[in-house]
Every structure is written in C-alpha cells, then in structure tokens.
Amino acid sequence: MPHSPDDKKRALTRLRRIKGQAEALERAIEAEAECGVLLQQIAALRGAAGGLMAEVLDIHLRESIGHAIGAAGAPPASDELDAIMKILRTYLK
C-alpha cells in the first residue's frame, strides 16, 4: 500500500489511466472495432496494469526489505533494490 502522499498520488494516477483505457476498450467493443484496434487497446491496458504492479511492488520491497536490512544494522541496500526492480520491471512489461 502506498503510504506517502506522492506514492499514493502516483498509484491513483496510474489506476485512473487504467480505468480510462478499460472504458475506451469497452466503447471500442460496443462499436465493433477491428480486432487490431482492440488488441492495441488491450496491450495498452496490460502495460498500464503492469506499471501499477511494478510501482506498488517497488514501494513494498523498499519498505519491507529496506527496513529489515536497516534494522539488522546494515545500511539500506538501495543499489541492490534498484537492480531487483529493474529486472522485475523488465519482466512485467
């Protein structure tokens, strides 16, 4: 769950984008749009959902793993978390 106001704002913005894309897809289906158009909108919707997933996962990892590492006495491993998130963002695309 995004806790900071900036994180919450980013998550809600992404969610609103997803909602708009879903509504556009619904209108396209009702209008009997070509399959190519539908596939493009579905891909955009999927990408937006993956972006939201990556954003929330990034927040979760930084909060849970970062705090756990810091509590153990080691400095937070920001570089390692950045590398993990880069891999996960690539996977979620």
PDB file of N, CA and C in Angstrom:
ATOM      1  N   MET A   1       0.838  -1.176   0.000  1.00  0.00           N
ATOM      2  CA  MET A   1       0.000   0.000   0.000  1.00  0.00           C
ATOM      3  C   MET A   1       0.884   1.240   0.000  1.00  0.00           C
ATOM      4  N   PRO A   2       0.697   2.099  -0.945  1.00  0.00           N
ATOM      5  CA  PRO A   2       1.459   3.358  -0.943  1.00  0.00           C
ATOM      6  C   PRO A   2       1.097   4.197   0.271  1.00  0.00           C
ATOM      7  N   HIS A   3       2.104   4.583   1.043  1.00  0.00           N
ATOM      8  CA  HIS A   3       1.845   5.325   2.273  1.00  0.00           C
ATOM      9  C   HIS A   3       2.108   6.814   2.140  1.00  0.00           C
ATOM     10  N   SER A   4       3.119   7.191   1.388  1.00  0.00           N
ATOM     11  CA  SER A   4       3.425   8.616   1.278  1.00  0.00           C
ATOM     12  C   SER A   4       2.417   9.270   0.325  1.00  0.00           C
ATOM     13  N   PRO A   5       2.172  10.554   0.493  1.00  0.00           N
ATOM     14  CA  PRO A   5       1.239  11.239  -0.407  1.00  0.00           C
ATOM     15  C   PRO A   5       1.660  11.159  -1.877  1.00  0.00           C
ATOM     16  N   ASP A   6       2.961  11.247  -2.162  1.00  0.00           N
ATOM     17  CA  ASP A   6       3.429  11.150  -3.549  1.00  0.00           C
ATOM     18  C   ASP A   6       3.196   9.762  -4.128  1.00  0.00           C
ATOM     19  N   ASP A   7       3.487   8.725  -3.334  1.00  0.00           N
ATOM     20  CA  ASP A   7       3.273   7.354  -3.799  1.00  0.00           C
ATOM     21  C   ASP A   7       1.790   7.100  -4.055  1.00  0.00           C
ATOM     22  N   LYS A   8       0.958   7.586  -3.140  1.00  0.00           N
ATOM     23  CA  LYS A   8      -0.486   7.403  -3.286  1.00  0.00           C
ATOM     24  C   LYS A   8      -0.988   8.127  -4.539  1.00  0.00           C
ATOM     25  N   LYS A   9      -0.496   9.342  -4.780  1.00  0.00           N
ATOM     26  CA  LYS A   9      -0.912  10.108  -5.948  1.00  0.00           C
ATOM     27  C   LYS A   9      -0.513   9.402  -7.238  1.00  0.00           C
ATOM     28  N   ARG A  10       0.732   8.868  -7.280  1.00  0.00           N
ATOM     29  CA  ARG A  10       1.183   8.147  -8.472  1.00  0.00           C
ATOM     30  C   ARG A  10       0.345   6.894  -8.726  1.00  0.00           C
ATOM     31  N   ALA A  11       0.042   6.160  -7.658  1.00  0.00           N
ATOM     32  CA  ALA A  11      -0.759   4.936  -7.809  1.00  0.00           C
ATOM     33  C   ALA A  11      -2.168   5.274  -8.300  1.00  0.00           C
ATOM     34  N   LEU A  12      -2.775   6.305  -7.734  1.00  0.00           N
ATOM     35  CA  LEU A  12      -4.121   6.689  -8.168  1.00  0.00           C
ATOM     36  C   LEU A  12      -4.127   7.199  -9.609  1.00  0.00           C
ATOM     37  N   THR A  13      -3.090   7.919  -9.998  1.00  0.00           N
ATOM     38  CA  THR A  13      -2.992   8.394 -11.373  1.00  0.00           C
ATOM     39  C   THR A  13      -2.918   7.219 -12.335  1.00  0.00           C
ATOM     40  N   ARG A  14      -2.099   6.235 -11.998  1.00  0.00           N
ATOM     41  CA  ARG A  14      -2.000   5.036 -12.849  1.00  0.00           C
ATOM     42  C   ARG A  14      -3.329   4.294 -12.900  1.00  0.00           C
ATOM     43  N   LEU A  15      -3.992   4.197 -11.762  1.00  0.00           N
ATOM     44  CA  LEU A  15      -5.267   3.494 -11.708  1.00  0.00           C
ATOM     45  C   LEU A  15      -6.328   4.213 -12.541  1.00  0.00           C
ATOM     46  N   ARG A  16      -6.326   5.523 -12.492  1.00  0.00           N
ATOM     47  CA  ARG A  16      -7.279   6.282 -13.314  1.00  0.00           C
ATOM     48  C   ARG A  16      -6.991   6.100 -14.803  1.00  0.00           C
ATOM     49  N   ARG A  17      -5.718   5.996 -15.153  1.00  0.00           N
ATOM     50  CA  ARG A  17      -5.350   5.745 -16.547  1.00  0.00           C
ATOM     51  C   ARG A  17      -5.867   4.375 -16.977  1.00  0.00           C
ATOM     52  N   ILE A  18      -5.718   3.393 -16.110  1.00  0.00           N
ATOM     53  CA  ILE A  18      -6.215   2.041 -16.402  1.00  0.00           C
ATOM     54  C   ILE A  18      -7.732   2.074 -16.586  1.00  0.00           C
ATOM     55  N   LYS A  19      -8.411   2.793 -15.718  1.00  0.00           N
ATOM     56  CA  LYS A  19      -9.868   2.906 -15.811  1.00  0.00           C
ATOM     57  C   LYS A  19     -10.269   3.523 -17.148  1.00  0.00           C
ATOM     58  N   GLY A  20      -9.596   4.585 -17.554  1.00  0.00           N
ATOM     59  CA  GLY A  20      -9.883   5.221 -18.834  1.00  0.00           C
ATOM     60  C   GLY A  20      -9.640   4.287 -20.003  1.00  0.00           C
ATOM     61  N   GLN A  21      -8.570   3.518 -19.928  1.00  0.00           N
ATOM     62  CA  GLN A  21      -8.266   2.570 -21.005  1.00  0.00           C
ATOM     63  C   GLN A  21      -9.312   1.466 -21.071  1.00  0.00           C
ATOM     64  N   ALA A  22      -9.773   1.008 -19.909  1.00  0.00           N
ATOM     65  CA  ALA A  22     -10.801  -0.034 -19.880  1.00  0.00           C
ATOM     66  C   ALA A  22     -12.116   0.497 -20.468  1.00  0.00           C
ATOM     67  N   GLU A  23     -12.443   1.732 -20.143  1.00  0.00           N
ATOM     68  CA  GLU A  23     -13.655   2.337 -20.699  1.00  0.00           C
ATOM     69  C   GLU A  23     -13.536   2.517 -22.211  1.00  0.00           C
ATOM     70  N   ALA A  24     -12.358   2.906 -22.690  1.00  0.00           N
ATOM     71  CA  ALA A  24     -12.144   3.050 -24.135  1.00  0.00           C
ATOM     72  C   ALA A  24     -12.254   1.693 -24.829  1.00  0.00           C
ATOM     73  N   LEU A  25     -11.746   0.667 -24.202  1.00  0.00           N
ATOM     74  CA  LEU A  25     -11.846  -0.682 -24.760  1.00  0.00           C
ATOM     75  C   LEU A  25     -13.310  -1.121 -24.824  1.00  0.00           C
ATOM     76  N   GLU A  26     -14.053  -0.832 -23.792  1.00  0.00           N
ATOM     77  CA  GLU A  26     -15.479  -1.176 -23.776  1.00  0.00           C
ATOM     78  C   GLU A  26     -16.219  -0.467 -24.922  1.00  0.00           C
ATOM     79  N   ARG A  27     -15.935   0.817 -25.105  1.00  0.00           N
ATOM     80  CA  ARG A  27     -16.576   1.567 -26.189  1.00  0.00           C
ATOM     81  C   ARG A  27     -16.184   0.994 -27.554  1.00  0.00           C
ATOM     82  N   ALA A  28     -14.927   0.607 -27.693  1.00  0.00           N
ATOM     83  CA  ALA A  28     -14.460   0.041 -28.963  1.00  0.00           C
ATOM     84  C   ALA A  28     -15.156  -1.280 -29.268  1.00  0.00           C
ATOM     85  N   ILE A  29     -15.350  -2.094 -28.259  1.00  0.00           N
ATOM     86  CA  ILE A  29     -16.044  -3.377 -28.463  1.00  0.00           C
ATOM     87  C   ILE A  29     -17.498  -3.125 -28.826  1.00  0.00           C
ATOM     88  N   GLU A  30     -18.140  -2.192 -28.132  1.00  0.00           N
ATOM     89  CA  GLU A  30     -19.534  -1.863 -28.441  1.00  0.00           C
ATOM     90  C   GLU A  30     -19.664  -1.320 -29.860  1.00  0.00           C
ATOM     91  N   ALA A  31     -18.654  -0.591 -30.323  1.00  0.00           N
ATOM     92  CA  ALA A  31     -18.672  -0.024 -31.674  1.00  0.00           C
ATOM     93  C   ALA A  31     -18.208  -1.027 -32.730  1.00  0.00           C
ATOM     94  N   GLU A  32     -17.928  -2.246 -32.304  1.00  0.00           N
ATOM     95  CA  GLU A  32     -17.477  -3.313 -33.192  1.00  0.00           C
ATOM     96  C   GLU A  32     -16.210  -2.927 -33.957  1.00  0.00           C
ATOM     97  N   ALA A  33     -15.243  -2.410 -33.212  1.00  0.00           N
ATOM     98  CA  ALA A  33     -13.957  -2.015 -33.790  1.00  0.00           C
ATOM     99  C   ALA A  33     -13.217  -3.245 -34.303  1.00  0.00           C
ATOM    100  N   GLU A  34     -12.282  -3.008 -35.202  1.00  0.00           N
ATOM    101  CA  GLU A  34     -11.460  -4.079 -35.757  1.00  0.00           C
ATOM    102  C   GLU A  34     -10.626  -4.738 -34.658  1.00  0.00           C
ATOM    103  N   CYS A  35     -10.290  -5.987 -34.861  1.00  0.00           N
ATOM    104  CA  CYS A  35      -9.501  -6.738 -33.876  1.00  0.00           C
ATOM    105  C   CYS A  35      -8.150  -6.076 -33.607  1.00  0.00           C
ATOM    106  N   GLY A  36      -7.511  -5.529 -34.626  1.00  0.00           N
ATOM    107  CA  GLY A  36      -6.217  -4.873 -34.436  1.00  0.00           C
ATOM    108  C   GLY A  36      -6.307  -3.716 -33.462  1.00  0.00           C
ATOM    109  N   VAL A  37      -7.376  -2.945 -33.558  1.00  0.00           N
ATOM    110  CA  VAL A  37      -7.590  -1.821 -32.645  1.00  0.00           C
ATOM    111  C   VAL A  37      -7.808  -2.338 -31.227  1.00  0.00           C
ATOM    112  N   LEU A  38      -8.608  -3.376 -31.104  1.00  0.00           N
ATOM    113  CA  LEU A  38      -8.877  -3.958 -29.783  1.00  0.00           C
ATOM    114  C   LEU A  38      -7.597  -4.508 -29.159  1.00  0.00           C
ATOM    115  N   LEU A  39      -6.803  -5.205 -29.964  1.00  0.00           N
ATOM    116  CA  LEU A  39      -5.558  -5.775 -29.449  1.00  0.00           C
ATOM    117  C   LEU A  39      -4.604  -4.686 -28.974  1.00  0.00           C
ATOM    118  N   GLN A  40      -4.559  -3.593 -29.704  1.00  0.00           N
ATOM    119  CA  GLN A  40      -3.699  -2.478 -29.306  1.00  0.00           C
ATOM    120  C   GLN A  40      -4.173  -1.892 -27.976  1.00  0.00           C
ATOM    121  N   GLN A  41      -5.469  -1.732 -27.807  1.00  0.00           N
ATOM    122  CA  GLN A  41      -6.002  -1.195 -26.547  1.00  0.00           C
ATOM    123  C   GLN A  41      -5.794  -2.170 -25.396  1.00  0.00           C
ATOM    124  N   ILE A  42      -5.936  -3.454 -25.670  1.00  0.00           N
ATOM    125  CA  ILE A  42      -5.698  -4.464 -24.631  1.00  0.00           C
ATOM    126  C   ILE A  42      -4.230  -4.442 -24.201  1.00  0.00           C
ATOM    127  N   ALA A  43      -3.328  -4.313 -25.158  1.00  0.00           N
ATOM    128  CA  ALA A  43      -1.904  -4.244 -24.839  1.00  0.00           C
ATOM    129  C   ALA A  43      -1.596  -3.012 -23.991  1.00  0.00           C
ATOM    130  N   ALA A  44      -2.210  -1.884 -24.315  1.00  0.00           N
ATOM    131  CA  ALA A  44      -2.006  -0.669 -23.530  1.00  0.00           C
ATOM    132  C   ALA A  44      -2.537  -0.853 -22.113  1.00  0.00           C
ATOM    133  N   LEU A  45      -3.680  -1.484 -21.984  1.00  0.00           N
ATOM    134  CA  LEU A  45      -4.280  -1.751 -20.676  1.00  0.00           C
ATOM    135  C   LEU A  45      -3.388  -2.681 -19.858  1.00  0.00           C
ATOM    136  N   ARG A  46      -2.886  -3.691 -20.513  1.00  0.00           N
ATOM    137  CA  ARG A  46      -1.982  -4.633 -19.844  1.00  0.00           C
ATOM    138  C   ARG A  46      -0.700  -3.930 -19.380  1.00  0.00           C
ATOM    139  N   GLY A  47      -0.146  -3.069 -20.232  1.00  0.00           N
ATOM    140  CA  GLY A  47       1.055  -2.322 -19.865  1.00  0.00           C
ATOM    141  C   GLY A  47       0.804  -1.398 -18.681  1.00  0.00           C
ATOM    142  N   ALA A  48      -0.343  -0.756 -18.673  1.00  0.00           N
ATOM    143  CA  ALA A  48      -0.676   0.146 -17.567  1.00  0.00           C
ATOM    144  C   ALA A  48      -0.833  -0.637 -16.264  1.00  0.00           C
ATOM    145  N   ALA A  49      -1.463  -1.800 -16.323  1.00  0.00           N
ATOM    146  CA  ALA A  49      -1.612  -2.632 -15.130  1.00  0.00           C
ATOM    147  C   ALA A  49      -0.251  -3.126 -14.647  1.00  0.00           C
ATOM    148  N   GLY A  50       0.616  -3.489 -15.583  1.00  0.00           N
ATOM    149  CA  GLY A  50       1.975  -3.906 -15.214  1.00  0.00           C
ATOM    150  C   GLY A  50       2.751  -2.771 -14.576  1.00  0.00           C
ATOM    151  N   GLY A  51       2.550  -1.551 -15.069  1.00  0.00           N
ATOM    152  CA  GLY A  51       3.202  -0.390 -14.478  1.00  0.00           C
ATOM    153  C   GLY A  51       2.737  -0.138 -13.054  1.00  0.00           C
ATOM    154  N   LEU A  52       1.444  -0.294 -12.820  1.00  0.00           N
ATOM    155  CA  LEU A  52       0.914  -0.143 -11.461  1.00  0.00           C
ATOM    156  C   LEU A  52       1.469  -1.239 -10.548  1.00  0.00           C
ATOM    157  N   MET A  53       1.515  -2.452 -11.062  1.00  0.00           N
ATOM    158  CA  MET A  53       2.073  -3.569 -10.293  1.00  0.00           C
ATOM    159  C   MET A  53       3.522  -3.278  -9.917  1.00  0.00           C
ATOM    160  N   ALA A  54       4.315  -2.819 -10.862  1.00  0.00           N
ATOM    161  CA  ALA A  54       5.724  -2.524 -10.607  1.00  0.00           C
ATOM    162  C   ALA A  54       5.875  -1.402  -9.587  1.00  0.00           C
ATOM    163  N   GLU A  55       5.036  -0.384  -9.690  1.00  0.00           N
ATOM    164  CA  GLU A  55       5.098   0.753  -8.764  1.00  0.00           C
ATOM    165  C   GLU A  55       4.819   0.305  -7.328  1.00  0.00           C
ATOM    166  N   VAL A  56       3.745  -0.462  -7.135  1.00  0.00           N
ATOM    167  CA  VAL A  56       3.382  -0.925  -5.790  1.00  0.00           C
ATOM    168  C   VAL A  56       4.403  -1.933  -5.277  1.00  0.00           C
ATOM    169  N   LEU A  57       4.912  -2.791  -6.150  1.00  0.00           N
ATOM    170  CA  LEU A  57       5.936  -3.754  -5.756  1.00  0.00           C
ATOM    171  C   LEU A  57       7.215  -3.049  -5.330  1.00  0.00           C
ATOM    172  N   ASP A  58       7.592  -2.016  -6.048  1.00  0.00           N
ATOM    173  CA  ASP A  58       8.767  -1.224  -5.692  1.00  0.00           C
ATOM    174  C   ASP A  58       8.609  -0.619  -4.298  1.00  0.00           C
ATOM    175  N   ILE A  59       7.460  -0.029  -4.034  1.00  0.00           N
ATOM    176  CA  ILE A  59       7.194   0.561  -2.719  1.00  0.00           C
ATOM    177  C   ILE A  59       7.266  -0.514  -1.639  1.00  0.00           C
ATOM    178  N   HIS A  60       6.636  -1.644  -1.903  1.00  0.00           N
ATOM    179  CA  HIS A  60       6.610  -2.732  -0.919  1.00  0.00           C
ATOM    180  C   HIS A  60       8.014  -3.254  -0.623  1.00  0.00           C
ATOM    181  N   LEU A  61       8.796  -3.497  -1.666  1.00  0.00           N
ATOM    182  CA  LEU A  61      10.151  -4.006  -1.455  1.00  0.00           C
ATOM    183  C   LEU A  61      11.006  -3.017  -0.666  1.00  0.00           C
ATOM    184  N   ARG A  62      10.912  -1.754  -1.043  1.00  0.00           N
ATOM    185  CA  ARG A  62      11.727  -0.748  -0.349  1.00  0.00           C
ATOM    186  C   ARG A  62      11.316  -0.607   1.112  1.00  0.00           C
ATOM    187  N   GLU A  63      10.022  -0.730   1.391  1.00  0.00           N
ATOM    188  CA  GLU A  63       9.565  -0.627   2.776  1.00  0.00           C
ATOM    189  C   GLU A  63       9.923  -1.868   3.583  1.00  0.00           C
ATOM    190  N   SER A  64       9.625  -3.047   3.045  1.00  0.00           N
ATOM    191  CA  SER A  64       9.828  -4.263   3.826  1.00  0.00           C
ATOM    192  C   SER A  64      11.285  -4.695   3.866  1.00  0.00           C
ATOM    193  N   ILE A  65      11.924  -4.835   2.723  1.00  0.00           N
ATOM    194  CA  ILE A  65      13.313  -5.291   2.696  1.00  0.00           C
ATOM    195  C   ILE A  65      14.245  -4.199   3.195  1.00  0.00           C
ATOM    196  N   GLY A  66      14.002  -2.971   2.753  1.00  0.00           N
ATOM    197  CA  GLY A  66      14.849  -1.863   3.187  1.00  0.00           C
ATOM    198  C   GLY A  66      14.843  -1.684   4.688  1.00  0.00           C
ATOM    199  N   HIS A  67      13.654  -1.765   5.299  1.00  0.00           N
ATOM    200  CA  HIS A  67      13.565  -1.625   6.746  1.00  0.00           C
ATOM    201  C   HIS A  67      14.187  -2.822   7.469  1.00  0.00           C
ATOM    202  N   ALA A  68      14.004  -4.009   6.900  1.00  0.00           N
ATOM    203  CA  ALA A  68      14.574  -5.204   7.522  1.00  0.00           C
ATOM    204  C   ALA A  68      16.096  -5.151   7.519  1.00  0.00           C
ATOM    205  N   ILE A  69      16.654  -4.712   6.399  1.00  0.00           N
ATOM    206  CA  ILE A  69      18.115  -4.606   6.306  1.00  0.00           C
ATOM    207  C   ILE A  69      18.616  -3.534   7.264  1.00  0.00           C
ATOM    208  N   GLY A  70      17.913  -2.401   7.297  1.00  0.00           N
ATOM    209  CA  GLY A  70      18.298  -1.316   8.205  1.00  0.00           C
ATOM    210  C   GLY A  70      18.190  -1.734   9.656  1.00  0.00           C
ATOM    211  N   ALA A  71      17.185  -2.528  10.003  1.00  0.00           N
ATOM    212  CA  ALA A  71      17.010  -2.986  11.381  1.00  0.00           C
ATOM    213  C   ALA A  71      18.104  -3.968  11.789  1.00  0.00           C
ATOM    214  N   ALA A  72      18.653  -4.669  10.813  1.00  0.00           N
ATOM    215  CA  ALA A  72      19.715  -5.631  11.099  1.00  0.00           C
ATOM    216  C   ALA A  72      21.063  -4.946  11.305  1.00  0.00           C
ATOM    217  N   GLY A  73      21.101  -3.639  11.118  1.00  0.00           N
ATOM    218  CA  GLY A  73      22.334  -2.903  11.348  1.00  0.00           C
ATOM    219  C   GLY A  73      23.106  -2.576  10.093  1.00  0.00           C
ATOM    220  N   ALA A  74      22.714  -3.155   8.975  1.00  0.00           N
ATOM    221  CA  ALA A  74      23.394  -2.865   7.711  1.00  0.00           C
ATOM    222  C   ALA A  74      22.741  -1.643   7.069  1.00  0.00           C
ATOM    223  N   PRO A  75      23.503  -0.894   6.310  1.00  0.00           N
ATOM    224  CA  PRO A  75      22.880   0.244   5.613  1.00  0.00           C
ATOM    225  C   PRO A  75      21.903  -0.255   4.549  1.00  0.00           C
ATOM    226  N   PRO A  76      20.822   0.493   4.290  1.00  0.00           N
ATOM    227  CA  PRO A  76      19.872   0.057   3.270  1.00  0.00           C
ATOM    228  C   PRO A  76      20.576  -0.157   1.922  1.00  0.00           C
ATOM    229  N   ALA A  77      20.256  -1.247   1.274  1.00  0.00           N
ATOM    230  CA  ALA A  77      20.913  -1.638   0.027  1.00  0.00           C
ATOM    231  C   ALA A  77      20.134  -1.094  -1.162  1.00  0.00           C
ATOM    232  N   SER A  78      20.184   0.211  -1.352  1.00  0.00           N
ATOM    233  CA  SER A  78      19.417   0.853  -2.409  1.00  0.00           C
ATOM    234  C   SER A  78      19.838   0.374  -3.790  1.00  0.00           C
ATOM    235  N   ASP A  79      21.131   0.201  -4.009  1.00  0.00           N
ATOM    236  CA  ASP A  79      21.608  -0.263  -5.323  1.00  0.00           C
ATOM    237  C   ASP A  79      21.085  -1.654  -5.650  1.00  0.00           C
ATOM    238  N   GLU A  80      21.072  -2.524  -4.654  1.00  0.00           N
ATOM    239  CA  GLU A  80      20.581  -3.884  -4.865  1.00  0.00           C
ATOM    240  C   GLU A  80      19.081  -3.869  -5.159  1.00  0.00           C
ATOM    241  N   LEU A  81      18.337  -3.043  -4.415  1.00  0.00           N
ATOM    242  CA  LEU A  81      16.902  -2.949  -4.660  1.00  0.00           C
ATOM    243  C   LEU A  81      16.629  -2.362  -6.050  1.00  0.00           C
ATOM    244  N   ASP A  82      17.438  -1.396  -6.466  1.00  0.00           N
ATOM    245  CA  ASP A  82      17.285  -0.834  -7.807  1.00  0.00           C
ATOM    246  C   ASP A  82      17.497  -1.906  -8.865  1.00  0.00           C
ATOM    247  N   ALA A  83      18.487  -2.752  -8.682  1.00  0.00           N
ATOM    248  CA  ALA A  83      18.773  -3.822  -9.642  1.00  0.00           C
ATOM    249  C   ALA A  83      17.624  -4.828  -9.689  1.00  0.00           C
ATOM    250  N   ILE A  84      17.093  -5.182  -8.528  1.00  0.00           N
ATOM    251  CA  ILE A  84      15.964  -6.120  -8.474  1.00  0.00           C
ATOM    252  C   ILE A  84      14.754  -5.523  -9.191  1.00  0.00           C
ATOM    253  N   MET A  85      14.469  -4.254  -8.922  1.00  0.00           N
ATOM    254  CA  MET A  85      13.315  -3.616  -9.546  1.00  0.00           C
ATOM    255  C   MET A  85      13.495  -3.489 -11.054  1.00  0.00           C
ATOM    256  N   LYS A  86      14.701  -3.268 -11.517  1.00  0.00           N
ATOM    257  CA  LYS A  86      14.949  -3.187 -12.957  1.00  0.00           C
ATOM    258  C   LYS A  86      14.600  -4.521 -13.615  1.00  0.00           C
ATOM    259  N   ILE A  87      15.007  -5.604 -12.993  1.00  0.00           N
ATOM    260  CA  ILE A  87      14.699  -6.936 -13.519  1.00  0.00           C
ATOM    261  C   ILE A  87      13.189  -7.182 -13.500  1.00  0.00           C
ATOM    262  N   LEU A  88      12.543  -6.850 -12.396  1.00  0.00           N
ATOM    263  CA  LEU A  88      11.106  -7.083 -12.287  1.00  0.00           C
ATOM    264  C   LEU A  88      10.316  -6.212 -13.269  1.00  0.00           C
ATOM    265  N   ARG A  89      10.718  -4.963 -13.445  1.00  0.00           N
ATOM    266  CA  ARG A  89      10.015  -4.093 -14.406  1.00  0.00           C
ATOM    267  C   ARG A  89      10.141  -4.659 -15.824  1.00  0.00           C
ATOM    268  N   THR A  90      11.318  -5.197 -16.152  1.00  0.00           N
ATOM    269  CA  THR A  90      11.501  -5.814 -17.470  1.00  0.00           C
ATOM    270  C   THR A  90      10.576  -7.018 -17.624  1.00  0.00           C
ATOM    271  N   TYR A  91      10.465  -7.817 -16.581  1.00  0.00           N
ATOM    272  CA  TYR A  91       9.600  -8.995 -16.610  1.00  0.00           C
ATOM    273  C   TYR A  91       8.126  -8.615 -16.740  1.00  0.00           C
ATOM    274  N   LEU A  92       7.730  -7.537 -16.072  1.00  0.00           N
ATOM    275  CA  LEU A  92       6.313  -7.156 -16.063  1.00  0.00           C
ATOM    276  C   LEU A  92       5.855  -6.477 -17.354  1.00  0.00           C
ATOM    277  N   LYS A  93       6.786  -6.119 -18.225  1.00  0.00           N
ATOM    278  CA  LYS A  93       6.382  -5.462 -19.489  1.00  0.00           C
ATOM    279  C   LYS A  93       5.696  -6.410 -20.417  1.00  0.00           C
TER     280      LYS A  93
END
